[in-house]
Amino acid sequence: MMVSSRYFMLLVALVSCPYGRLSESPKPNFVESKVPGESIQTCGINFYEEAPGSGYRLCTNSGFVNYRCPSTRCYGGNRTDRKPPALSSFFFTGCTREERLGVPGATGRTVNPIQFSANNAAKMLRVTGTELNGISGTHPYLCYWHQNSDNNHKRPWCAGCTYYSGP
């Protein structure tokens, strides 16, 4: 009986070793910033200035989670670009300028967005922005897309974002 007790104890020791390791907390590897609480976000639903001159953008990602991001760390290109383009080179195309307060409507406009709100189910953007080679000033636009590969399906992204629950 002494021999079977030893084997039983050895079996218990071998079986319990992996469980001891599994109970340790794994170190998270999903933080995309060196500053705790900051992250990189793609602004899939909303993107607008927190307040004029504040230096921050409010960004709602595709999961409907709101973030506050420094404007200087928002970009218009692919997140994998080594040197991402600034927002000044980010445009929506084929947009329709809405007629408002004596400003005529127009179609086929290329717009640099200051802010936008996306209805992804309807494949539509409500944009406030400035036209490239068009009427001066900031105006409202409607922009549509048909496929995910279309230009108007692209979204800006920002680094250094922190979770934002609102005022």
N, C-alpha and C. Protein backbone atom coordinates (compact mmCIF):
# COMPACT_ATOMS: atom_id res chain seq x y z
N MET A 1 0.81 -1.19 0.00
CA MET A 1 0.00 0.00 0.00
C MET A 1 0.86 1.26 0.00
N MET A 2 2.03 1.14 0.51
CA MET A 2 2.94 2.27 0.57
C MET A 2 3.29 2.74 -0.84
N VAL A 3 3.50 1.82 -1.77
CA VAL A 3 3.86 2.16 -3.13
C VAL A 3 2.72 2.89 -3.82
N SER A 4 1.49 2.43 -3.68
CA SER A 4 0.36 3.07 -4.34
C SER A 4 0.09 4.46 -3.74
N SER A 5 0.39 4.69 -2.47
CA SER A 5 0.23 6.02 -1.87
C SER A 5 1.21 7.01 -2.50
N ARG A 6 2.44 6.52 -2.72
CA ARG A 6 3.44 7.41 -3.34
C ARG A 6 3.00 7.79 -4.76
N TYR A 7 2.53 6.81 -5.51
CA TYR A 7 2.07 7.10 -6.87
C TYR A 7 0.88 8.06 -6.86
N PHE A 8 0.01 7.87 -5.90
CA PHE A 8 -1.14 8.75 -5.79
C PHE A 8 -0.70 10.19 -5.49
N MET A 9 0.25 10.36 -4.57
CA MET A 9 0.77 11.69 -4.22
C MET A 9 1.48 12.32 -5.42
N LEU A 10 2.25 11.51 -6.15
CA LEU A 10 2.95 12.01 -7.33
C LEU A 10 1.93 12.45 -8.39
N LEU A 11 0.90 11.66 -8.58
CA LEU A 11 -0.15 12.00 -9.54
C LEU A 11 -0.84 13.31 -9.14
N VAL A 12 -1.16 13.47 -7.87
CA VAL A 12 -1.80 14.70 -7.39
C VAL A 12 -0.87 15.90 -7.62
N ALA A 13 0.41 15.74 -7.35
CA ALA A 13 1.38 16.83 -7.54
C ALA A 13 1.48 17.22 -9.02
N LEU A 14 1.55 16.23 -9.90
CA LEU A 14 1.66 16.52 -11.32
C LEU A 14 0.40 17.19 -11.87
N VAL A 15 -0.74 16.73 -11.44
CA VAL A 15 -2.00 17.28 -11.93
C VAL A 15 -2.22 18.69 -11.40
N SER A 16 -1.83 18.99 -10.19
CA SER A 16 -2.09 20.30 -9.62
C SER A 16 -1.09 21.37 -10.07
N CYS A 17 0.07 21.00 -10.59
CA CYS A 17 1.05 22.00 -11.04
C CYS A 17 0.51 22.92 -12.13
N PRO A 18 -0.04 22.41 -13.20
CA PRO A 18 -0.53 23.32 -14.23
C PRO A 18 -1.64 24.24 -13.72
N TYR A 19 -2.47 23.74 -12.80
CA TYR A 19 -3.55 24.58 -12.29
C TYR A 19 -3.01 25.74 -11.48
N GLY A 20 -1.94 25.53 -10.78
CA GLY A 20 -1.30 26.60 -10.03
C GLY A 20 -0.84 27.70 -10.96
N ARG A 21 -0.30 27.34 -12.09
CA ARG A 21 0.15 28.34 -13.06
C ARG A 21 -1.04 29.03 -13.73
N LEU A 22 -2.09 28.31 -13.98
CA LEU A 22 -3.25 28.91 -14.64
C LEU A 22 -3.95 29.91 -13.74
N SER A 23 -3.81 29.78 -12.44
CA SER A 23 -4.50 30.69 -11.55
C SER A 23 -3.81 32.05 -11.45
N GLU A 24 -2.57 32.16 -11.96
CA GLU A 24 -1.89 33.44 -11.96
C GLU A 24 -2.56 34.37 -12.96
N SER A 25 -2.57 35.65 -12.65
CA SER A 25 -3.15 36.63 -13.58
C SER A 25 -2.21 36.85 -14.74
N PRO A 26 -2.69 36.68 -15.96
CA PRO A 26 -1.83 36.97 -17.11
C PRO A 26 -1.61 38.47 -17.24
N LYS A 27 -0.45 38.86 -17.73
CA LYS A 27 -0.17 40.27 -17.93
C LYS A 27 -0.87 40.71 -19.22
N PRO A 28 -1.62 41.83 -19.16
CA PRO A 28 -2.31 42.27 -20.38
C PRO A 28 -1.31 42.74 -21.42
N ASN A 29 -1.59 42.41 -22.67
CA ASN A 29 -0.72 42.84 -23.76
C ASN A 29 -1.49 43.65 -24.79
N PHE A 30 -2.64 44.18 -24.40
CA PHE A 30 -3.48 44.89 -25.34
C PHE A 30 -3.39 46.40 -25.23
N VAL A 31 -2.61 46.94 -24.33
CA VAL A 31 -2.48 48.38 -24.18
C VAL A 31 -1.62 48.91 -25.32
N GLU A 32 -2.18 49.83 -26.11
CA GLU A 32 -1.49 50.33 -27.30
C GLU A 32 -0.74 51.63 -27.03
N SER A 33 -0.65 52.05 -25.80
CA SER A 33 0.02 53.30 -25.46
C SER A 33 0.89 53.06 -24.23
N LYS A 34 1.96 53.84 -24.12
CA LYS A 34 2.83 53.70 -22.96
C LYS A 34 2.26 54.43 -21.75
N VAL A 35 1.25 55.27 -21.95
CA VAL A 35 0.63 55.99 -20.85
C VAL A 35 -0.60 55.21 -20.42
N PRO A 36 -0.70 54.82 -19.14
CA PRO A 36 -1.85 54.05 -18.68
C PRO A 36 -3.17 54.77 -18.99
N GLY A 37 -4.13 54.02 -19.47
CA GLY A 37 -5.45 54.56 -19.75
C GLY A 37 -5.61 55.16 -21.13
N GLU A 38 -4.51 55.31 -21.88
CA GLU A 38 -4.61 55.86 -23.23
C GLU A 38 -4.68 54.73 -24.25
N SER A 39 -5.36 55.01 -25.36
CA SER A 39 -5.48 53.99 -26.40
C SER A 39 -5.57 54.64 -27.77
N ILE A 40 -5.50 53.82 -28.79
CA ILE A 40 -5.69 54.25 -30.17
C ILE A 40 -7.12 53.88 -30.56
N GLN A 41 -7.85 54.82 -31.14
CA GLN A 41 -9.24 54.59 -31.50
C GLN A 41 -9.51 55.01 -32.94
N THR A 42 -10.30 54.21 -33.64
CA THR A 42 -10.82 54.59 -34.94
C THR A 42 -12.21 55.16 -34.71
N CYS A 43 -12.46 56.35 -35.21
CA CYS A 43 -13.71 57.07 -34.95
C CYS A 43 -14.76 56.65 -35.98
N GLY A 44 -15.38 55.51 -35.74
CA GLY A 44 -16.30 54.91 -36.70
C GLY A 44 -17.70 55.48 -36.71
N ILE A 45 -18.13 56.14 -35.62
CA ILE A 45 -19.50 56.63 -35.52
C ILE A 45 -19.56 58.16 -35.49
N ASN A 46 -18.83 58.77 -34.57
CA ASN A 46 -18.83 60.23 -34.44
C ASN A 46 -17.41 60.75 -34.32
N PHE A 47 -17.24 61.99 -34.78
CA PHE A 47 -15.94 62.64 -34.70
C PHE A 47 -16.19 64.14 -34.72
N TYR A 48 -15.87 64.84 -33.63
CA TYR A 48 -16.09 66.28 -33.60
C TYR A 48 -15.22 66.94 -32.54
N GLU A 49 -15.08 68.27 -32.65
CA GLU A 49 -14.31 69.03 -31.68
C GLU A 49 -15.05 69.05 -30.35
N GLU A 50 -14.30 68.87 -29.27
CA GLU A 50 -14.92 68.94 -27.94
C GLU A 50 -15.54 70.33 -27.74
N ALA A 51 -14.77 71.36 -28.04
CA ALA A 51 -15.20 72.76 -28.01
C ALA A 51 -14.24 73.51 -28.92
N PRO A 52 -14.68 74.58 -29.55
CA PRO A 52 -13.77 75.33 -30.42
C PRO A 52 -12.49 75.74 -29.69
N GLY A 53 -11.36 75.38 -30.27
CA GLY A 53 -10.07 75.74 -29.69
C GLY A 53 -9.63 74.90 -28.50
N SER A 54 -10.38 73.85 -28.15
CA SER A 54 -10.04 73.04 -26.97
C SER A 54 -8.80 72.18 -27.19
N GLY A 55 -8.52 71.85 -28.45
CA GLY A 55 -7.38 70.98 -28.73
C GLY A 55 -7.72 69.50 -28.58
N TYR A 56 -9.02 69.18 -28.41
CA TYR A 56 -9.44 67.79 -28.26
C TYR A 56 -10.58 67.47 -29.21
N ARG A 57 -10.61 66.20 -29.63
CA ARG A 57 -11.70 65.66 -30.44
C ARG A 57 -12.43 64.62 -29.61
N LEU A 58 -13.74 64.57 -29.78
CA LEU A 58 -14.52 63.50 -29.19
C LEU A 58 -14.76 62.49 -30.30
N CYS A 59 -14.49 61.24 -29.99
CA CYS A 59 -14.48 60.17 -30.97
C CYS A 59 -15.33 59.02 -30.44
N THR A 60 -16.31 58.59 -31.22
CA THR A 60 -17.10 57.41 -30.86
C THR A 60 -16.67 56.30 -31.80
N ASN A 61 -16.17 55.20 -31.23
CA ASN A 61 -15.72 54.10 -32.07
C ASN A 61 -16.90 53.26 -32.54
N SER A 62 -16.65 52.25 -33.34
CA SER A 62 -17.72 51.42 -33.90
C SER A 62 -18.46 50.60 -32.85
N GLY A 63 -17.90 50.50 -31.66
CA GLY A 63 -18.58 49.83 -30.55
C GLY A 63 -19.43 50.78 -29.73
N PHE A 64 -19.61 52.02 -30.22
CA PHE A 64 -20.38 53.07 -29.55
C PHE A 64 -19.80 53.46 -28.19
N VAL A 65 -18.47 53.41 -28.08
CA VAL A 65 -17.78 53.84 -26.86
C VAL A 65 -17.13 55.18 -27.18
N ASN A 66 -17.30 56.15 -26.27
CA ASN A 66 -16.81 57.51 -26.49
C ASN A 66 -15.41 57.70 -25.90
N TYR A 67 -14.59 58.44 -26.64
CA TYR A 67 -13.23 58.75 -26.22
C TYR A 67 -12.94 60.22 -26.46
N ARG A 68 -12.03 60.76 -25.65
CA ARG A 68 -11.53 62.13 -25.80
C ARG A 68 -10.08 62.01 -26.24
N CYS A 69 -9.75 62.65 -27.38
CA CYS A 69 -8.44 62.46 -28.00
C CYS A 69 -7.81 63.81 -28.32
N PRO A 70 -6.48 63.94 -28.14
CA PRO A 70 -5.81 65.19 -28.54
C PRO A 70 -5.89 65.37 -30.05
N SER A 71 -6.33 66.53 -30.49
CA SER A 71 -6.47 66.81 -31.93
C SER A 71 -5.17 66.59 -32.69
N THR A 72 -4.05 66.90 -32.06
CA THR A 72 -2.75 66.78 -32.72
C THR A 72 -2.34 65.33 -32.94
N ARG A 73 -3.09 64.39 -32.35
CA ARG A 73 -2.76 62.98 -32.50
C ARG A 73 -3.84 62.23 -33.28
N CYS A 74 -4.63 62.98 -34.09
CA CYS A 74 -5.64 62.38 -34.95
C CYS A 74 -5.15 62.42 -36.39
N TYR A 75 -5.41 61.34 -37.11
CA TYR A 75 -4.84 61.17 -38.45
C TYR A 75 -5.91 60.69 -39.43
N GLY A 76 -5.59 60.85 -40.71
CA GLY A 76 -6.54 60.48 -41.74
C GLY A 76 -6.17 59.26 -42.55
N GLY A 77 -5.06 58.63 -42.25
CA GLY A 77 -4.62 57.49 -43.05
C GLY A 77 -4.80 56.17 -42.33
N ASN A 78 -4.17 55.17 -42.88
CA ASN A 78 -4.21 53.83 -42.32
C ASN A 78 -3.38 53.78 -41.03
N ARG A 79 -3.87 53.08 -40.03
CA ARG A 79 -3.15 52.99 -38.75
C ARG A 79 -1.80 52.32 -38.88
N THR A 80 -1.57 51.60 -39.97
CA THR A 80 -0.29 50.91 -40.15
C THR A 80 0.73 51.76 -40.89
N ASP A 81 0.34 52.96 -41.35
CA ASP A 81 1.29 53.84 -42.03
C ASP A 81 2.42 54.23 -41.09
N ARG A 82 3.66 54.23 -41.59
CA ARG A 82 4.80 54.64 -40.77
C ARG A 82 4.70 56.12 -40.39
N LYS A 83 4.26 56.92 -41.33
CA LYS A 83 4.05 58.34 -41.08
C LYS A 83 2.63 58.67 -41.54
N PRO A 84 1.66 58.56 -40.63
CA PRO A 84 0.27 58.74 -41.04
C PRO A 84 -0.01 60.18 -41.49
N PRO A 85 -0.86 60.33 -42.51
CA PRO A 85 -1.19 61.67 -42.98
C PRO A 85 -2.03 62.44 -41.97
N ALA A 86 -1.87 63.74 -41.96
CA ALA A 86 -2.64 64.60 -41.07
C ALA A 86 -4.10 64.64 -41.51
N LEU A 87 -4.95 65.10 -40.61
CA LEU A 87 -6.37 65.22 -40.95
C LEU A 87 -6.61 66.17 -42.11
N SER A 88 -5.71 67.10 -42.33
CA SER A 88 -5.89 68.06 -43.43
C SER A 88 -5.87 67.38 -44.79
N SER A 89 -5.37 66.16 -44.86
CA SER A 89 -5.36 65.43 -46.13
C SER A 89 -6.39 64.29 -46.16
N PHE A 90 -7.35 64.33 -45.23
CA PHE A 90 -8.41 63.32 -45.16
C PHE A 90 -9.68 63.92 -45.77
N PHE A 91 -10.27 63.23 -46.75
CA PHE A 91 -11.44 63.76 -47.45
C PHE A 91 -12.51 62.70 -47.65
N PHE A 92 -13.77 63.15 -47.65
CA PHE A 92 -14.89 62.35 -48.13
C PHE A 92 -15.20 62.87 -49.53
N THR A 93 -15.62 61.98 -50.42
CA THR A 93 -15.82 62.37 -51.82
C THR A 93 -17.26 62.12 -52.29
N GLY A 94 -17.64 62.80 -53.36
CA GLY A 94 -18.97 62.62 -53.94
C GLY A 94 -20.09 63.06 -53.02
N CYS A 95 -19.83 64.01 -52.17
CA CYS A 95 -20.80 64.46 -51.17
C CYS A 95 -21.75 65.51 -51.75
N THR A 96 -22.90 65.64 -51.12
CA THR A 96 -23.89 66.64 -51.51
C THR A 96 -23.93 67.73 -50.45
N ARG A 97 -23.67 68.97 -50.88
CA ARG A 97 -23.77 70.10 -49.96
C ARG A 97 -25.25 70.41 -49.78
N GLU A 98 -25.68 70.49 -48.52
CA GLU A 98 -27.08 70.80 -48.23
C GLU A 98 -27.33 72.30 -48.40
N GLU A 99 -28.48 72.62 -48.96
CA GLU A 99 -28.85 74.03 -49.14
C GLU A 99 -29.27 74.60 -47.79
N ARG A 100 -28.59 75.68 -47.40
CA ARG A 100 -28.90 76.30 -46.10
C ARG A 100 -28.63 77.79 -46.16
N LEU A 101 -29.52 78.58 -45.60
CA LEU A 101 -29.32 80.02 -45.41
C LEU A 101 -28.74 80.71 -46.64
N GLY A 102 -29.33 80.47 -47.77
CA GLY A 102 -28.92 81.14 -48.99
C GLY A 102 -27.73 80.52 -49.70
N VAL A 103 -27.12 79.50 -49.11
CA VAL A 103 -26.01 78.81 -49.78
C VAL A 103 -26.63 77.68 -50.60
N PRO A 104 -26.41 77.69 -51.91
CA PRO A 104 -27.03 76.66 -52.75
C PRO A 104 -26.46 75.27 -52.50
N GLY A 105 -27.29 74.28 -52.71
CA GLY A 105 -26.83 72.90 -52.63
C GLY A 105 -25.98 72.56 -53.84
N ALA A 106 -25.18 71.52 -53.71
CA ALA A 106 -24.34 71.09 -54.83
C ALA A 106 -23.98 69.62 -54.63
N THR A 107 -23.78 68.91 -55.73
CA THR A 107 -23.41 67.49 -55.66
C THR A 107 -21.96 67.29 -56.08
N GLY A 108 -21.45 66.11 -55.80
CA GLY A 108 -20.11 65.74 -56.23
C GLY A 108 -18.99 66.51 -55.54
N ARG A 109 -19.20 66.91 -54.31
CA ARG A 109 -18.23 67.71 -53.57
C ARG A 109 -17.22 66.82 -52.84
N THR A 110 -15.97 67.28 -52.77
CA THR A 110 -14.93 66.62 -51.97
C THR A 110 -14.75 67.47 -50.72
N VAL A 111 -14.88 66.83 -49.55
CA VAL A 111 -14.97 67.57 -48.29
C VAL A 111 -13.93 67.09 -47.28
N ASN A 112 -13.24 68.06 -46.66
CA ASN A 112 -12.36 67.79 -45.53
C ASN A 112 -13.23 67.95 -44.28
N PRO A 113 -13.49 66.86 -43.53
CA PRO A 113 -14.42 66.93 -42.41
C PRO A 113 -13.84 67.63 -41.18
N ILE A 114 -14.65 68.49 -40.59
CA ILE A 114 -14.34 69.05 -39.28
C ILE A 114 -15.00 68.16 -38.24
N GLN A 115 -16.19 67.69 -38.60
CA GLN A 115 -16.90 66.74 -37.75
C GLN A 115 -17.81 65.89 -38.64
N PHE A 116 -18.19 64.72 -38.10
CA PHE A 116 -19.15 63.89 -38.83
C PHE A 116 -19.85 62.96 -37.86
N SER A 117 -20.99 62.47 -38.32
CA SER A 117 -21.75 61.45 -37.63
C SER A 117 -22.13 60.42 -38.68
N ALA A 118 -21.85 59.15 -38.42
CA ALA A 118 -22.09 58.10 -39.40
C ALA A 118 -23.31 57.26 -39.03
N ASN A 119 -24.13 56.97 -40.01
CA ASN A 119 -25.18 55.97 -39.89
C ASN A 119 -24.70 54.82 -40.76
N ASN A 120 -23.95 53.91 -40.16
CA ASN A 120 -23.31 52.84 -40.94
C ASN A 120 -24.31 51.87 -41.55
N ALA A 121 -25.47 51.68 -40.91
CA ALA A 121 -26.48 50.79 -41.47
C ALA A 121 -27.04 51.36 -42.78
N ALA A 122 -27.20 52.69 -42.84
CA ALA A 122 -27.70 53.35 -44.05
C ALA A 122 -26.56 53.75 -44.99
N LYS A 123 -25.30 53.50 -44.58
CA LYS A 123 -24.11 53.87 -45.37
C LYS A 123 -24.14 55.36 -45.73
N MET A 124 -24.35 56.18 -44.67
CA MET A 124 -24.48 57.61 -44.86
C MET A 124 -23.73 58.36 -43.76
N LEU A 125 -23.12 59.48 -44.15
CA LEU A 125 -22.43 60.37 -43.22
C LEU A 125 -23.08 61.75 -43.26
N ARG A 126 -23.27 62.34 -42.10
CA ARG A 126 -23.62 63.76 -41.99
C ARG A 126 -22.32 64.45 -41.62
N VAL A 127 -21.84 65.31 -42.50
CA VAL A 127 -20.52 65.90 -42.36
C VAL A 127 -20.63 67.42 -42.29
N THR A 128 -19.84 68.02 -41.43
CA THR A 128 -19.61 69.46 -41.46
C THR A 128 -18.15 69.62 -41.82
N GLY A 129 -17.90 70.39 -42.89
CA GLY A 129 -16.52 70.51 -43.31
C GLY A 129 -16.33 71.58 -44.36
N THR A 130 -15.14 71.57 -44.94
CA THR A 130 -14.78 72.54 -45.98
C THR A 130 -14.53 71.81 -47.29
N GLU A 131 -14.93 72.44 -48.38
CA GLU A 131 -14.77 71.84 -49.71
C GLU A 131 -13.36 72.03 -50.24
N LEU A 132 -12.92 71.04 -50.97
CA LEU A 132 -11.69 71.15 -51.74
C LEU A 132 -12.07 71.74 -53.09
N ASN A 133 -11.46 72.85 -53.46
CA ASN A 133 -11.75 73.51 -54.75
C ASN A 133 -13.23 73.83 -54.92
N GLY A 134 -13.83 74.39 -53.90
CA GLY A 134 -15.24 74.75 -53.99
C GLY A 134 -15.53 76.00 -53.20
N ILE A 135 -16.75 76.13 -52.78
CA ILE A 135 -17.22 77.28 -52.03
C ILE A 135 -16.44 77.38 -50.71
N SER A 136 -16.12 78.60 -50.30
CA SER A 136 -15.36 78.76 -49.06
C SER A 136 -16.27 78.65 -47.84
N GLY A 137 -15.68 78.41 -46.70
CA GLY A 137 -16.43 78.32 -45.46
C GLY A 137 -16.76 76.88 -45.09
N THR A 138 -17.39 76.76 -43.95
CA THR A 138 -17.80 75.46 -43.41
C THR A 138 -19.28 75.26 -43.70
N HIS A 139 -19.62 74.07 -44.23
CA HIS A 139 -20.99 73.80 -44.63
C HIS A 139 -21.37 72.36 -44.29
N PRO A 140 -22.69 72.06 -44.24
CA PRO A 140 -23.14 70.69 -43.99
C PRO A 140 -23.25 69.89 -45.30
N TYR A 141 -22.91 68.61 -45.21
CA TYR A 141 -22.92 67.71 -46.37
C TYR A 141 -23.50 66.36 -45.99
N LEU A 142 -24.00 65.68 -47.00
CA LEU A 142 -24.37 64.27 -46.88
C LEU A 142 -23.45 63.50 -47.80
N CYS A 143 -22.85 62.44 -47.27
CA CYS A 143 -21.93 61.62 -48.05
C CYS A 143 -22.35 60.16 -47.90
N TYR A 144 -22.35 59.43 -48.99
CA TYR A 144 -22.77 58.03 -48.99
C TYR A 144 -21.65 57.12 -49.48
N TRP A 145 -21.79 55.84 -49.20
CA TRP A 145 -20.90 54.83 -49.77
C TRP A 145 -21.71 53.57 -50.04
N HIS A 146 -21.20 52.72 -50.90
CA HIS A 146 -21.91 51.49 -51.28
C HIS A 146 -21.20 50.24 -50.78
N GLN A 147 -19.87 50.27 -50.78
CA GLN A 147 -19.08 49.11 -50.36
C GLN A 147 -18.07 49.56 -49.30
N ASN A 148 -17.62 48.61 -48.50
CA ASN A 148 -16.64 48.93 -47.46
C ASN A 148 -15.31 49.40 -48.03
N SER A 149 -15.06 49.11 -49.29
CA SER A 149 -13.81 49.56 -49.92
C SER A 149 -13.92 51.00 -50.45
N ASP A 150 -15.11 51.59 -50.43
CA ASP A 150 -15.30 52.96 -50.91
C ASP A 150 -14.61 53.96 -50.00
N ASN A 151 -14.19 55.07 -50.57
CA ASN A 151 -13.49 56.11 -49.83
C ASN A 151 -14.28 56.61 -48.62
N ASN A 152 -15.60 56.78 -48.76
CA ASN A 152 -16.40 57.34 -47.67
C ASN A 152 -16.63 56.36 -46.52
N HIS A 153 -16.15 55.14 -46.66
CA HIS A 153 -16.21 54.19 -45.56
C HIS A 153 -14.98 54.32 -44.65
N LYS A 154 -13.97 55.06 -45.09
CA LYS A 154 -12.76 55.27 -44.28
C LYS A 154 -13.09 56.19 -43.11
N ARG A 155 -12.33 56.03 -42.03
CA ARG A 155 -12.55 56.85 -40.84
C ARG A 155 -11.21 57.33 -40.29
N PRO A 156 -11.21 58.51 -39.65
CA PRO A 156 -9.98 58.97 -39.00
C PRO A 156 -9.73 58.15 -37.74
N TRP A 157 -8.49 58.18 -37.28
CA TRP A 157 -8.13 57.50 -36.05
C TRP A 157 -7.26 58.42 -35.21
N CYS A 158 -7.28 58.19 -33.92
CA CYS A 158 -6.55 59.05 -33.00
C CYS A 158 -5.79 58.20 -31.99
N ALA A 159 -4.64 58.70 -31.56
CA ALA A 159 -3.84 58.07 -30.51
C ALA A 159 -3.94 58.94 -29.26
N GLY A 160 -3.60 58.37 -28.13
CA GLY A 160 -3.62 59.13 -26.87
C GLY A 160 -5.02 59.37 -26.35
N CYS A 161 -5.98 58.54 -26.76
CA CYS A 161 -7.38 58.73 -26.37
C CYS A 161 -7.63 58.16 -24.97
N THR A 162 -8.54 58.80 -24.26
CA THR A 162 -8.97 58.30 -22.96
C THR A 162 -10.49 58.15 -22.98
N TYR A 163 -10.98 57.18 -22.23
CA TYR A 163 -12.42 56.94 -22.15
C TYR A 163 -13.11 58.21 -21.71
N TYR A 164 -14.26 58.49 -22.30
CA TYR A 164 -14.99 59.72 -22.01
C TYR A 164 -16.45 59.38 -21.75
N SER A 165 -16.93 59.72 -20.56
CA SER A 165 -18.32 59.42 -20.22
C SER A 165 -19.21 60.65 -20.37
N GLY A 166 -18.64 61.77 -20.76
CA GLY A 166 -19.42 62.99 -20.97
C GLY A 166 -19.32 63.94 -19.80
N PRO A 167 -19.82 65.16 -20.00
CA PRO A 167 -19.73 66.17 -18.94
C PRO A 167 -20.64 65.86 -17.77
